[in-house]
Amino acid sequence: MAKYLVLIYEDEASYAAATQEDHDRVYKEHVVFAEHNGPKLLGGDALHPTGTATSIRKDSSGEFLVTDGAFVETKEAICGYYLIDAADLDEAIAVAKQVPAPYGGVEVRPVQIFD
């Protein structure tokens, strides 16, 4: 088995404009997803909006530059993730296709394991 990170990208503006009914529906869809894929799920959480992010970069002199906000401005931002255990990429994709992301999509990336 291998570990894969399923990154959930969504349009924050659409999500912020959604009704409470929409939020409740999406939450229930995530509960169903978790119940259906429980043994494969190693972790996962929602993230606060990109406005709460803090970016840290090292400049050319070796000093750290700490700024408010995400690294880049984009229409879709990482809003959450699931860490899954899958036999291969095909199985990871099959799981990822079930992730509720009504305002965007998901990305599947294998996790590098360093021994």
PDB file of N, CA and C in Angstrom:
ATOM      1  N   MET A   1       0.847  -1.182   0.000  1.00  0.00           N
ATOM      2  CA  MET A   1       0.000   0.000   0.000  1.00  0.00           C
ATOM      3  C   MET A   1       0.889   1.241   0.000  1.00  0.00           C
ATOM      4  N   ALA A   2       0.372   2.304  -0.587  1.00  0.00           N
ATOM      5  CA  ALA A   2       1.093   3.568  -0.662  1.00  0.00           C
ATOM      6  C   ALA A   2       0.197   4.673  -0.122  1.00  0.00           C
ATOM      7  N   LYS A   3       0.814   5.766   0.281  1.00  0.00           N
ATOM      8  CA  LYS A   3       0.065   6.906   0.767  1.00  0.00           C
ATOM      9  C   LYS A   3      -0.088   7.927  -0.354  1.00  0.00           C
ATOM     10  N   TYR A   4      -1.279   8.504  -0.425  1.00  0.00           N
ATOM     11  CA  TYR A   4      -1.587   9.547  -1.393  1.00  0.00           C
ATOM     12  C   TYR A   4      -2.275  10.689  -0.656  1.00  0.00           C
ATOM     13  N   LEU A   5      -1.972  11.901  -1.064  1.00  0.00           N
ATOM     14  CA  LEU A   5      -2.651  13.069  -0.527  1.00  0.00           C
ATOM     15  C   LEU A   5      -3.645  13.541  -1.577  1.00  0.00           C
ATOM     16  N   VAL A   6      -4.889  13.651  -1.183  1.00  0.00           N
ATOM     17  CA  VAL A   6      -5.937  14.164  -2.060  1.00  0.00           C
ATOM     18  C   VAL A   6      -6.186  15.605  -1.630  1.00  0.00           C
ATOM     19  N   LEU A   7      -5.763  16.541  -2.457  1.00  0.00           N
ATOM     20  CA  LEU A   7      -5.918  17.968  -2.169  1.00  0.00           C
ATOM     21  C   LEU A   7      -7.237  18.445  -2.762  1.00  0.00           C
ATOM     22  N   ILE A   8      -8.027  19.110  -1.952  1.00  0.00           N
ATOM     23  CA  ILE A   8      -9.332  19.606  -2.386  1.00  0.00           C
ATOM     24  C   ILE A   8      -9.188  21.092  -2.724  1.00  0.00           C
ATOM     25  N   TYR A   9      -9.352  21.424  -4.006  1.00  0.00           N
ATOM     26  CA  TYR A   9      -9.276  22.805  -4.478  1.00  0.00           C
ATOM     27  C   TYR A   9     -10.690  23.300  -4.752  1.00  0.00           C
ATOM     28  N   GLU A  10     -11.022  24.456  -4.192  1.00  0.00           N
ATOM     29  CA  GLU A  10     -12.337  25.013  -4.462  1.00  0.00           C
ATOM     30  C   GLU A  10     -12.252  26.528  -4.583  1.00  0.00           C
ATOM     31  N   ASP A  11     -13.261  27.090  -5.206  1.00  0.00           N
ATOM     32  CA  ASP A  11     -13.389  28.536  -5.351  1.00  0.00           C
ATOM     33  C   ASP A  11     -13.905  29.082  -4.023  1.00  0.00           C
ATOM     34  N   GLU A  12     -13.044  29.774  -3.293  1.00  0.00           N
ATOM     35  CA  GLU A  12     -13.425  30.265  -1.968  1.00  0.00           C
ATOM     36  C   GLU A  12     -14.600  31.230  -2.013  1.00  0.00           C
ATOM     37  N   ALA A  13     -14.683  32.039  -3.045  1.00  0.00           N
ATOM     38  CA  ALA A  13     -15.778  33.007  -3.145  1.00  0.00           C
ATOM     39  C   ALA A  13     -17.120  32.289  -3.277  1.00  0.00           C
ATOM     40  N   SER A  14     -17.170  31.244  -4.086  1.00  0.00           N
ATOM     41  CA  SER A  14     -18.417  30.480  -4.236  1.00  0.00           C
ATOM     42  C   SER A  14     -18.782  29.786  -2.932  1.00  0.00           C
ATOM     43  N   TYR A  15     -17.779  29.243  -2.272  1.00  0.00           N
ATOM     44  CA  TYR A  15     -18.027  28.556  -1.006  1.00  0.00           C
ATOM     45  C   TYR A  15     -18.528  29.550   0.043  1.00  0.00           C
ATOM     46  N   ALA A  16     -17.931  30.744   0.089  1.00  0.00           N
ATOM     47  CA  ALA A  16     -18.338  31.766   1.063  1.00  0.00           C
ATOM     48  C   ALA A  16     -19.762  32.256   0.791  1.00  0.00           C
ATOM     49  N   ALA A  17     -20.168  32.252  -0.471  1.00  0.00           N
ATOM     50  CA  ALA A  17     -21.502  32.728  -0.838  1.00  0.00           C
ATOM     51  C   ALA A  17     -22.577  31.648  -0.707  1.00  0.00           C
ATOM     52  N   ALA A  18     -22.169  30.434  -0.432  1.00  0.00           N
ATOM     53  CA  ALA A  18     -23.120  29.324  -0.341  1.00  0.00           C
ATOM     54  C   ALA A  18     -24.028  29.487   0.876  1.00  0.00           C
ATOM     55  N   THR A  19     -25.211  28.925   0.769  1.00  0.00           N
ATOM     56  CA  THR A  19     -26.179  28.989   1.872  1.00  0.00           C
ATOM     57  C   THR A  19     -25.806  27.977   2.951  1.00  0.00           C
ATOM     58  N   GLN A  20     -26.427  28.128   4.111  1.00  0.00           N
ATOM     59  CA  GLN A  20     -26.214  27.157   5.190  1.00  0.00           C
ATOM     60  C   GLN A  20     -26.662  25.770   4.742  1.00  0.00           C
ATOM     61  N   GLU A  21     -27.733  25.710   3.959  1.00  0.00           N
ATOM     62  CA  GLU A  21     -28.196  24.418   3.425  1.00  0.00           C
ATOM     63  C   GLU A  21     -27.117  23.777   2.558  1.00  0.00           C
ATOM     64  N   ASP A  22     -26.437  24.590   1.732  1.00  0.00           N
ATOM     65  CA  ASP A  22     -25.347  24.079   0.902  1.00  0.00           C
ATOM     66  C   ASP A  22     -24.216  23.534   1.774  1.00  0.00           C
ATOM     67  N   HIS A  23     -23.844  24.299   2.805  1.00  0.00           N
ATOM     68  CA  HIS A  23     -22.775  23.853   3.706  1.00  0.00           C
ATOM     69  C   HIS A  23     -23.162  22.550   4.406  1.00  0.00           C
ATOM     70  N   ASP A  24     -24.405  22.460   4.860  1.00  0.00           N
ATOM     71  CA  ASP A  24     -24.875  21.245   5.525  1.00  0.00           C
ATOM     72  C   ASP A  24     -24.843  20.053   4.573  1.00  0.00           C
ATOM     73  N   ARG A  25     -25.253  20.271   3.330  1.00  0.00           N
ATOM     74  CA  ARG A  25     -25.264  19.192   2.332  1.00  0.00           C
ATOM     75  C   ARG A  25     -23.840  18.694   2.072  1.00  0.00           C
ATOM     76  N   VAL A  26     -22.907  19.623   1.878  1.00  0.00           N
ATOM     77  CA  VAL A  26     -21.518  19.239   1.605  1.00  0.00           C
ATOM     78  C   VAL A  26     -20.927  18.504   2.810  1.00  0.00           C
ATOM     79  N   TYR A  27     -21.220  18.987   4.009  1.00  0.00           N
ATOM     80  CA  TYR A  27     -20.741  18.313   5.218  1.00  0.00           C
ATOM     81  C   TYR A  27     -21.245  16.870   5.248  1.00  0.00           C
ATOM     82  N   LYS A  28     -22.527  16.681   4.970  1.00  0.00           N
ATOM     83  CA  LYS A  28     -23.098  15.332   4.964  1.00  0.00           C
ATOM     84  C   LYS A  28     -22.437  14.466   3.890  1.00  0.00           C
ATOM     85  N   GLU A  29     -22.121  15.063   2.746  1.00  0.00           N
ATOM     86  CA  GLU A  29     -21.436  14.307   1.687  1.00  0.00           C
ATOM     87  C   GLU A  29     -20.055  13.853   2.150  1.00  0.00           C
ATOM     88  N   HIS A  30     -19.359  14.690   2.920  1.00  0.00           N
ATOM     89  CA  HIS A  30     -18.050  14.295   3.451  1.00  0.00           C
ATOM     90  C   HIS A  30     -18.192  13.185   4.495  1.00  0.00           C
ATOM     91  N   VAL A  31     -19.251  13.240   5.298  1.00  0.00           N
ATOM     92  CA  VAL A  31     -19.503  12.181   6.277  1.00  0.00           C
ATOM     93  C   VAL A  31     -19.724  10.860   5.551  1.00  0.00           C
ATOM     94  N   VAL A  32     -20.526  10.870   4.503  1.00  0.00           N
ATOM     95  CA  VAL A  32     -20.780   9.659   3.719  1.00  0.00           C
ATOM     96  C   VAL A  32     -19.487   9.169   3.073  1.00  0.00           C
ATOM     97  N   PHE A  33     -18.699  10.086   2.523  1.00  0.00           N
ATOM     98  CA  PHE A  33     -17.415   9.726   1.930  1.00  0.00           C
ATOM     99  C   PHE A  33     -16.537   9.022   2.961  1.00  0.00           C
ATOM    100  N   ALA A  34     -16.450   9.584   4.167  1.00  0.00           N
ATOM    101  CA  ALA A  34     -15.615   9.008   5.233  1.00  0.00           C
ATOM    102  C   ALA A  34     -16.136   7.637   5.652  1.00  0.00           C
ATOM    103  N   GLU A  35     -17.443   7.496   5.756  1.00  0.00           N
ATOM    104  CA  GLU A  35     -18.014   6.197   6.127  1.00  0.00           C
ATOM    105  C   GLU A  35     -17.717   5.144   5.058  1.00  0.00           C
ATOM    106  N   HIS A  36     -17.797   5.543   3.803  1.00  0.00           N
ATOM    107  CA  HIS A  36     -17.584   4.613   2.693  1.00  0.00           C
ATOM    108  C   HIS A  36     -16.117   4.222   2.534  1.00  0.00           C
ATOM    109  N   ASN A  37     -15.209   5.124   2.879  1.00  0.00           N
ATOM    110  CA  ASN A  37     -13.778   4.902   2.641  1.00  0.00           C
ATOM    111  C   ASN A  37     -12.958   4.809   3.924  1.00  0.00           C
ATOM    112  N   GLY A  38     -13.611   4.623   5.059  1.00  0.00           N
ATOM    113  CA  GLY A  38     -12.963   4.637   6.362  1.00  0.00           C
ATOM    114  C   GLY A  38     -11.616   3.939   6.455  1.00  0.00           C
ATOM    115  N   PRO A  39     -11.507   2.676   6.045  1.00  0.00           N
ATOM    116  CA  PRO A  39     -10.221   1.970   6.197  1.00  0.00           C
ATOM    117  C   PRO A  39      -9.087   2.590   5.377  1.00  0.00           C
ATOM    118  N   LYS A  40      -9.420   3.278   4.310  1.00  0.00           N
ATOM    119  CA  LYS A  40      -8.396   3.885   3.451  1.00  0.00           C
ATOM    120  C   LYS A  40      -7.957   5.263   3.958  1.00  0.00           C
ATOM    121  N   LEU A  41      -8.775   5.888   4.810  1.00  0.00           N
ATOM    122  CA  LEU A  41      -8.489   7.251   5.265  1.00  0.00           C
ATOM    123  C   LEU A  41      -7.504   7.227   6.429  1.00  0.00           C
ATOM    124  N   LEU A  42      -6.413   7.932   6.266  1.00  0.00           N
ATOM    125  CA  LEU A  42      -5.405   8.057   7.310  1.00  0.00           C
ATOM    126  C   LEU A  42      -5.500   9.402   8.018  1.00  0.00           C
ATOM    127  N   GLY A  43      -6.220  10.326   7.434  1.00  0.00           N
ATOM    128  CA  GLY A  43      -6.396  11.648   8.021  1.00  0.00           C
ATOM    129  C   GLY A  43      -7.060  12.570   7.032  1.00  0.00           C
ATOM    130  N   GLY A  44      -7.423  13.738   7.497  1.00  0.00           N
ATOM    131  CA  GLY A  44      -8.028  14.726   6.626  1.00  0.00           C
ATOM    132  C   GLY A  44      -8.678  15.815   7.439  1.00  0.00           C
ATOM    133  N   ASP A  45      -8.702  16.996   6.886  1.00  0.00           N
ATOM    134  CA  ASP A  45      -9.313  18.143   7.542  1.00  0.00           C
ATOM    135  C   ASP A  45      -9.646  19.204   6.515  1.00  0.00           C
ATOM    136  N   ALA A  46     -10.530  20.103   6.924  1.00  0.00           N
ATOM    137  CA  ALA A  46     -10.790  21.314   6.150  1.00  0.00           C
ATOM    138  C   ALA A  46      -9.775  22.362   6.588  1.00  0.00           C
ATOM    139  N   LEU A  47      -9.488  23.293   5.719  1.00  0.00           N
ATOM    140  CA  LEU A  47      -8.570  24.377   6.038  1.00  0.00           C
ATOM    141  C   LEU A  47      -9.330  25.695   6.101  1.00  0.00           C
ATOM    142  N   HIS A  48      -8.855  26.608   6.937  1.00  0.00           N
ATOM    143  CA  HIS A  48      -9.428  27.951   6.964  1.00  0.00           C
ATOM    144  C   HIS A  48      -9.100  28.634   5.633  1.00  0.00           C
ATOM    145  N   PRO A  49      -9.823  29.689   5.266  1.00  0.00           N
ATOM    146  CA  PRO A  49      -9.588  30.375   3.989  1.00  0.00           C
ATOM    147  C   PRO A  49      -8.154  30.885   3.846  1.00  0.00           C
ATOM    148  N   THR A  50      -7.755  31.135   2.605  1.00  0.00           N
ATOM    149  CA  THR A  50      -6.388  31.579   2.314  1.00  0.00           C
ATOM    150  C   THR A  50      -6.048  32.900   2.992  1.00  0.00           C
ATOM    151  N   GLY A  51      -7.038  33.693   3.333  1.00  0.00           N
ATOM    152  CA  GLY A  51      -6.784  34.939   4.039  1.00  0.00           C
ATOM    153  C   GLY A  51      -6.171  34.732   5.416  1.00  0.00           C
ATOM    154  N   THR A  52      -6.276  33.525   5.948  1.00  0.00           N
ATOM    155  CA  THR A  52      -5.682  33.226   7.255  1.00  0.00           C
ATOM    156  C   THR A  52      -4.287  32.624   7.122  1.00  0.00           C
ATOM    157  N   ALA A  53      -3.833  32.418   5.902  1.00  0.00           N
ATOM    158  CA  ALA A  53      -2.528  31.792   5.672  1.00  0.00           C
ATOM    159  C   ALA A  53      -1.392  32.755   5.999  1.00  0.00           C
ATOM    160  N   THR A  54      -0.256  32.182   6.347  1.00  0.00           N
ATOM    161  CA  THR A  54       0.980  32.932   6.526  1.00  0.00           C
ATOM    162  C   THR A  54       2.023  32.263   5.642  1.00  0.00           C
ATOM    163  N   SER A  55       2.655  33.034   4.776  1.00  0.00           N
ATOM    164  CA  SER A  55       3.665  32.500   3.864  1.00  0.00           C
ATOM    165  C   SER A  55       5.052  32.839   4.381  1.00  0.00           C
ATOM    166  N   ILE A  56       5.952  31.905   4.263  1.00  0.00           N
ATOM    167  CA  ILE A  56       7.319  32.076   4.740  1.00  0.00           C
ATOM    168  C   ILE A  56       8.265  31.699   3.608  1.00  0.00           C
ATOM    169  N   ARG A  57       9.146  32.615   3.264  1.00  0.00           N
ATOM    170  CA  ARG A  57      10.139  32.382   2.210  1.00  0.00           C
ATOM    171  C   ARG A  57      11.483  32.898   2.689  1.00  0.00           C
ATOM    172  N   LYS A  58      12.520  32.254   2.207  1.00  0.00           N
ATOM    173  CA  LYS A  58      13.864  32.726   2.512  1.00  0.00           C
ATOM    174  C   LYS A  58      14.320  33.577   1.337  1.00  0.00           C
ATOM    175  N   ASP A  59      14.800  34.786   1.624  1.00  0.00           N
ATOM    176  CA  ASP A  59      15.262  35.646   0.543  1.00  0.00           C
ATOM    177  C   ASP A  59      16.714  35.319   0.184  1.00  0.00           C
ATOM    178  N   SER A  60      17.259  36.040  -0.784  1.00  0.00           N
ATOM    179  CA  SER A  60      18.603  35.742  -1.294  1.00  0.00           C
ATOM    180  C   SER A  60      19.696  35.934  -0.247  1.00  0.00           C
ATOM    181  N   SER A  61      19.415  36.710   0.810  1.00  0.00           N
ATOM    182  CA  SER A  61      20.422  36.917   1.860  1.00  0.00           C
ATOM    183  C   SER A  61      20.311  35.881   2.978  1.00  0.00           C
ATOM    184  N   GLY A  62      19.334  34.979   2.841  1.00  0.00           N
ATOM    185  CA  GLY A  62      19.153  33.949   3.857  1.00  0.00           C
ATOM    186  C   GLY A  62      18.193  34.340   4.964  1.00  0.00           C
ATOM    187  N   GLU A  63      17.646  35.541   4.891  1.00  0.00           N
ATOM    188  CA  GLU A  63      16.670  35.998   5.873  1.00  0.00           C
ATOM    189  C   GLU A  63      15.285  35.489   5.499  1.00  0.00           C
ATOM    190  N   PHE A  64      14.465  35.252   6.501  1.00  0.00           N
ATOM    191  CA  PHE A  64      13.097  34.801   6.258  1.00  0.00           C
ATOM    192  C   PHE A  64      12.170  35.993   6.098  1.00  0.00           C
ATOM    193  N   LEU A  65      11.316  35.919   5.102  1.00  0.00           N
ATOM    194  CA  LEU A  65      10.288  36.922   4.867  1.00  0.00           C
ATOM    195  C   LEU A  65       8.953  36.267   5.216  1.00  0.00           C
ATOM    196  N   VAL A  66       8.259  36.792   6.197  1.00  0.00           N
ATOM    197  CA  VAL A  66       6.974  36.260   6.649  1.00  0.00           C
ATOM    198  C   VAL A  66       5.900  37.257   6.251  1.00  0.00           C
ATOM    199  N   THR A  67       4.922  36.793   5.452  1.00  0.00           N
ATOM    200  CA  THR A  67       3.853  37.675   4.986  1.00  0.00           C
ATOM    201  C   THR A  67       2.494  37.030   5.217  1.00  0.00           C
ATOM    202  N   ASP A  68       1.488  37.865   5.347  1.00  0.00           N
ATOM    203  CA  ASP A  68       0.123  37.376   5.473  1.00  0.00           C
ATOM    204  C   ASP A  68      -0.372  36.917   4.113  1.00  0.00           C
ATOM    205  N   GLY A  69      -1.139  35.845   4.103  1.00  0.00           N
ATOM    206  CA  GLY A  69      -1.761  35.365   2.880  1.00  0.00           C
ATOM    207  C   GLY A  69      -1.026  34.199   2.252  1.00  0.00           C
ATOM    208  N   ALA A  70      -1.684  33.624   1.274  1.00  0.00           N
ATOM    209  CA  ALA A  70      -1.141  32.471   0.555  1.00  0.00           C
ATOM    210  C   ALA A  70      -0.030  32.926  -0.386  1.00  0.00           C
ATOM    211  N   PHE A  71       0.729  31.956  -0.931  1.00  0.00           N
ATOM    212  CA  PHE A  71       1.834  32.266  -1.834  1.00  0.00           C
ATOM    213  C   PHE A  71       1.369  32.969  -3.103  1.00  0.00           C
ATOM    214  N   VAL A  72       0.280  32.500  -3.669  1.00  0.00           N
ATOM    215  CA  VAL A  72      -0.201  33.079  -4.921  1.00  0.00           C
ATOM    216  C   VAL A  72      -1.696  33.340  -4.811  1.00  0.00           C
ATOM    217  N   GLU A  73      -2.148  34.278  -5.608  1.00  0.00           N
ATOM    218  CA  GLU A  73      -3.584  34.495  -5.704  1.00  0.00           C
ATOM    219  C   GLU A  73      -4.096  33.634  -6.846  1.00  0.00           C
ATOM    220  N   THR A  74      -5.176  32.935  -6.584  1.00  0.00           N
ATOM    221  CA  THR A  74      -5.731  32.022  -7.571  1.00  0.00           C
ATOM    222  C   THR A  74      -7.230  31.927  -7.358  1.00  0.00           C
ATOM    223  N   LYS A  75      -7.941  31.510  -8.373  1.00  0.00           N
ATOM    224  CA  LYS A  75      -9.382  31.372  -8.237  1.00  0.00           C
ATOM    225  C   LYS A  75      -9.723  30.229  -7.297  1.00  0.00           C
ATOM    226  N   GLU A  76      -8.994  29.122  -7.412  1.00  0.00           N
ATOM    227  CA  GLU A  76      -9.230  27.972  -6.548  1.00  0.00           C
ATOM    228  C   GLU A  76      -8.037  27.796  -5.611  1.00  0.00           C
ATOM    229  N   ALA A  77      -8.330  27.539  -4.355  1.00  0.00           N
ATOM    230  CA  ALA A  77      -7.285  27.364  -3.351  1.00  0.00           C
ATOM    231  C   ALA A  77      -7.478  26.024  -2.652  1.00  0.00           C
ATOM    232  N   ILE A  78      -6.436  25.558  -1.996  1.00  0.00           N
ATOM    233  CA  ILE A  78      -6.555  24.314  -1.240  1.00  0.00           C
ATOM    234  C   ILE A  78      -7.443  24.591  -0.032  1.00  0.00           C
ATOM    235  N   CYS A  79      -8.562  23.897   0.024  1.00  0.00           N
ATOM    236  CA  CYS A  79      -9.533  24.104   1.094  1.00  0.00           C
ATOM    237  C   CYS A  79      -9.565  22.948   2.079  1.00  0.00           C
ATOM    238  N   GLY A  80      -8.922  21.863   1.738  1.00  0.00           N
ATOM    239  CA  GLY A  80      -8.902  20.694   2.616  1.00  0.00           C
ATOM    240  C   GLY A  80      -8.127  19.574   1.970  1.00  0.00           C
ATOM    241  N   TYR A  81      -8.047  18.458   2.684  1.00  0.00           N
ATOM    242  CA  TYR A  81      -7.280  17.332   2.170  1.00  0.00           C
ATOM    243  C   TYR A  81      -7.714  16.037   2.851  1.00  0.00           C
ATOM    244  N   TYR A  82      -7.400  14.946   2.225  1.00  0.00           N
ATOM    245  CA  TYR A  82      -7.486  13.611   2.810  1.00  0.00           C
ATOM    246  C   TYR A  82      -6.167  12.918   2.553  1.00  0.00           C
ATOM    247  N   LEU A  83      -5.640  12.257   3.552  1.00  0.00           N
ATOM    248  CA  LEU A  83      -4.487  11.387   3.399  1.00  0.00           C
ATOM    249  C   LEU A  83      -5.040   9.982   3.339  1.00  0.00           C
ATOM    250  N   ILE A  84      -4.748   9.287   2.235  1.00  0.00           N
ATOM    251  CA  ILE A  84      -5.333   7.955   2.048  1.00  0.00           C
ATOM    252  C   ILE A  84      -4.247   6.908   1.847  1.00  0.00           C
ATOM    253  N   ASP A  85      -4.630   5.677   2.067  1.00  0.00           N
ATOM    254  CA  ASP A  85      -3.779   4.521   1.841  1.00  0.00           C
ATOM    255  C   ASP A  85      -4.411   3.754   0.684  1.00  0.00           C
ATOM    256  N   ALA A  86      -3.669   3.588  -0.397  1.00  0.00           N
ATOM    257  CA  ALA A  86      -4.215   2.919  -1.583  1.00  0.00           C
ATOM    258  C   ALA A  86      -3.170   1.992  -2.179  1.00  0.00           C
ATOM    259  N   ALA A  87      -3.622   0.959  -2.841  1.00  0.00           N
ATOM    260  CA  ALA A  87      -2.713  -0.022  -3.439  1.00  0.00           C
ATOM    261  C   ALA A  87      -1.886   0.595  -4.556  1.00  0.00           C
ATOM    262  N   ASP A  88      -2.503   1.524  -5.300  1.00  0.00           N
ATOM    263  CA  ASP A  88      -1.815   2.140  -6.433  1.00  0.00           C
ATOM    264  C   ASP A  88      -2.561   3.404  -6.832  1.00  0.00           C
ATOM    265  N   LEU A  89      -2.046   4.081  -7.839  1.00  0.00           N
ATOM    266  CA  LEU A  89      -2.656   5.339  -8.279  1.00  0.00           C
ATOM    267  C   LEU A  89      -4.095   5.134  -8.743  1.00  0.00           C
ATOM    268  N   ASP A  90      -4.372   4.024  -9.412  1.00  0.00           N
ATOM    269  CA  ASP A  90      -5.743   3.788  -9.879  1.00  0.00           C
ATOM    270  C   ASP A  90      -6.726   3.739  -8.709  1.00  0.00           C
ATOM    271  N   GLU A  91      -6.336   3.063  -7.623  1.00  0.00           N
ATOM    272  CA  GLU A  91      -7.214   3.009  -6.459  1.00  0.00           C
ATOM    273  C   GLU A  91      -7.329   4.391  -5.811  1.00  0.00           C
ATOM    274  N   ALA A  92      -6.236   5.134  -5.763  1.00  0.00           N
ATOM    275  CA  ALA A  92      -6.261   6.481  -5.196  1.00  0.00           C
ATOM    276  C   ALA A  92      -7.200   7.378  -6.007  1.00  0.00           C
ATOM    277  N   ILE A  93      -7.158   7.261  -7.312  1.00  0.00           N
ATOM    278  CA  ILE A  93      -8.048   8.048  -8.170  1.00  0.00           C
ATOM    279  C   ILE A  93      -9.498   7.657  -7.934  1.00  0.00           C
ATOM    280  N   ALA A  94      -9.762   6.366  -7.780  1.00  0.00           N
ATOM    281  CA  ALA A  94     -11.129   5.906  -7.521  1.00  0.00           C
ATOM    282  C   ALA A  94     -11.667   6.499  -6.224  1.00  0.00           C
ATOM    283  N   VAL A  95     -10.831   6.561  -5.199  1.00  0.00           N
ATOM    284  CA  VAL A  95     -11.242   7.184  -3.937  1.00  0.00           C
ATOM    285  C   VAL A  95     -11.438   8.681  -4.134  1.00  0.00           C
ATOM    286  N   ALA A  96     -10.492   9.334  -4.804  1.00  0.00           N
ATOM    287  CA  ALA A  96     -10.545  10.782  -5.002  1.00  0.00           C
ATOM    288  C   ALA A  96     -11.789  11.220  -5.775  1.00  0.00           C
ATOM    289  N   LYS A  97     -12.255  10.396  -6.681  1.00  0.00           N
ATOM    290  CA  LYS A  97     -13.462  10.729  -7.455  1.00  0.00           C
ATOM    291  C   LYS A  97     -14.691  10.851  -6.563  1.00  0.00           C
ATOM    292  N   GLN A  98     -14.634  10.289  -5.364  1.00  0.00           N
ATOM    293  CA  GLN A  98     -15.762  10.320  -4.439  1.00  0.00           C
ATOM    294  C   GLN A  98     -15.737  11.536  -3.508  1.00  0.00           C
ATOM    295  N   VAL A  99     -14.640  12.283  -3.491  1.00  0.00           N
ATOM    296  CA  VAL A  99     -14.506  13.415  -2.571  1.00  0.00           C
ATOM    297  C   VAL A  99     -15.436  14.542  -3.002  1.00  0.00           C
ATOM    298  N   PRO A 100     -16.306  14.997  -2.108  1.00  0.00           N
ATOM    299  CA  PRO A 100     -17.171  16.125  -2.452  1.00  0.00           C
ATOM    300  C   PRO A 100     -16.341  17.396  -2.651  1.00  0.00           C
ATOM    301  N   ALA A 101     -16.482  18.013  -3.791  1.00  0.00           N
ATOM    302  CA  ALA A 101     -15.816  19.293  -4.096  1.00  0.00           C
ATOM    303  C   ALA A 101     -16.715  20.072  -5.042  1.00  0.00           C
ATOM    304  N   PRO A 102     -17.873  20.524  -4.545  1.00  0.00           N
ATOM    305  CA  PRO A 102     -18.852  21.142  -5.432  1.00  0.00           C
ATOM    306  C   PRO A 102     -18.416  22.465  -6.056  1.00  0.00           C
ATOM    307  N   TYR A 103     -17.383  23.104  -5.510  1.00  0.00           N
ATOM    308  CA  TYR A 103     -16.946  24.387  -6.032  1.00  0.00           C
ATOM    309  C   TYR A 103     -15.554  24.303  -6.647  1.00  0.00           C
ATOM    310  N   GLY A 104     -15.150  23.106  -7.060  1.00  0.00           N
ATOM    311  CA  GLY A 104     -13.820  22.941  -7.640  1.00  0.00           C
ATOM    312  C   GLY A 104     -13.536  21.508  -7.990  1.00  0.00           C
ATOM    313  N   GLY A 105     -12.386  21.011  -7.577  1.00  0.00           N
ATOM    314  CA  GLY A 105     -11.987  19.653  -7.895  1.00  0.00           C
ATOM    315  C   GLY A 105     -10.922  19.181  -6.926  1.00  0.00           C
ATOM    316  N   VAL A 106     -10.340  18.043  -7.232  1.00  0.00           N
ATOM    317  CA  VAL A 106      -9.314  17.479  -6.364  1.00  0.00           C
ATOM    318  C   VAL A 106      -8.066  17.143  -7.164  1.00  0.00           C
ATOM    319  N   GLU A 107      -6.960  17.015  -6.452  1.00  0.00           N
ATOM    320  CA  GLU A 107      -5.678  16.610  -7.037  1.00  0.00           C
ATOM    321  C   GLU A 107      -5.148  15.459  -6.193  1.00  0.00           C
ATOM    322  N   VAL A 108      -4.621  14.441  -6.833  1.00  0.00           N
ATOM    323  CA  VAL A 108      -4.049  13.291  -6.138  1.00  0.00           C
ATOM    324  C   VAL A 108      -2.541  13.316  -6.324  1.00  0.00           C
ATOM    325  N   ARG A 109      -1.811  13.219  -5.206  1.00  0.00           N
ATOM    326  CA  ARG A 109      -0.350  13.198  -5.290  1.00  0.00           C
ATOM    327  C   ARG A 109       0.194  12.125  -4.372  1.00  0.00           C
ATOM    328  N   PRO A 110       1.133  11.327  -4.887  1.00  0.00           N
ATOM    329  CA  PRO A 110       1.751  10.326  -4.017  1.00  0.00           C
ATOM    330  C   PRO A 110       2.631  11.007  -2.970  1.00  0.00           C
ATOM    331  N   VAL A 111       2.641  10.428  -1.779  1.00  0.00           N
ATOM    332  CA  VAL A 111       3.455  10.937  -0.685  1.00  0.00           C
ATOM    333  C   VAL A 111       4.820  10.254  -0.752  1.00  0.00           C
ATOM    334  N   GLN A 112       5.871  11.034  -0.676  1.00  0.00           N
ATOM    335  CA  GLN A 112       7.235  10.462  -0.646  1.00  0.00           C
ATOM    336  C   GLN A 112       7.517  10.005   0.770  1.00  0.00           C
ATOM    337  N   ILE A 113       7.989   8.795   0.886  1.00  0.00           N
ATOM    338  CA  ILE A 113       8.373   8.250   2.183  1.00  0.00           C
ATOM    339  C   ILE A 113       9.884   8.177   2.225  1.00  0.00           C
ATOM    340  N   PHE A 114      10.474   8.831   3.206  1.00  0.00           N
ATOM    341  CA  PHE A 114      11.946   8.819   3.358  1.00  0.00           C
ATOM    342  C   PHE A 114      12.288   7.892   4.500  1.00  0.00           C
ATOM    343  N   ASP A 115      13.124   6.923   4.207  1.00  0.00           N
ATOM    344  CA  ASP A 115      13.534   5.976   5.246  1.00  0.00           C
ATOM    345  C   ASP A 115      14.748   6.468   5.990  1.00  0.00           C
TER     346      ASP A 115
END
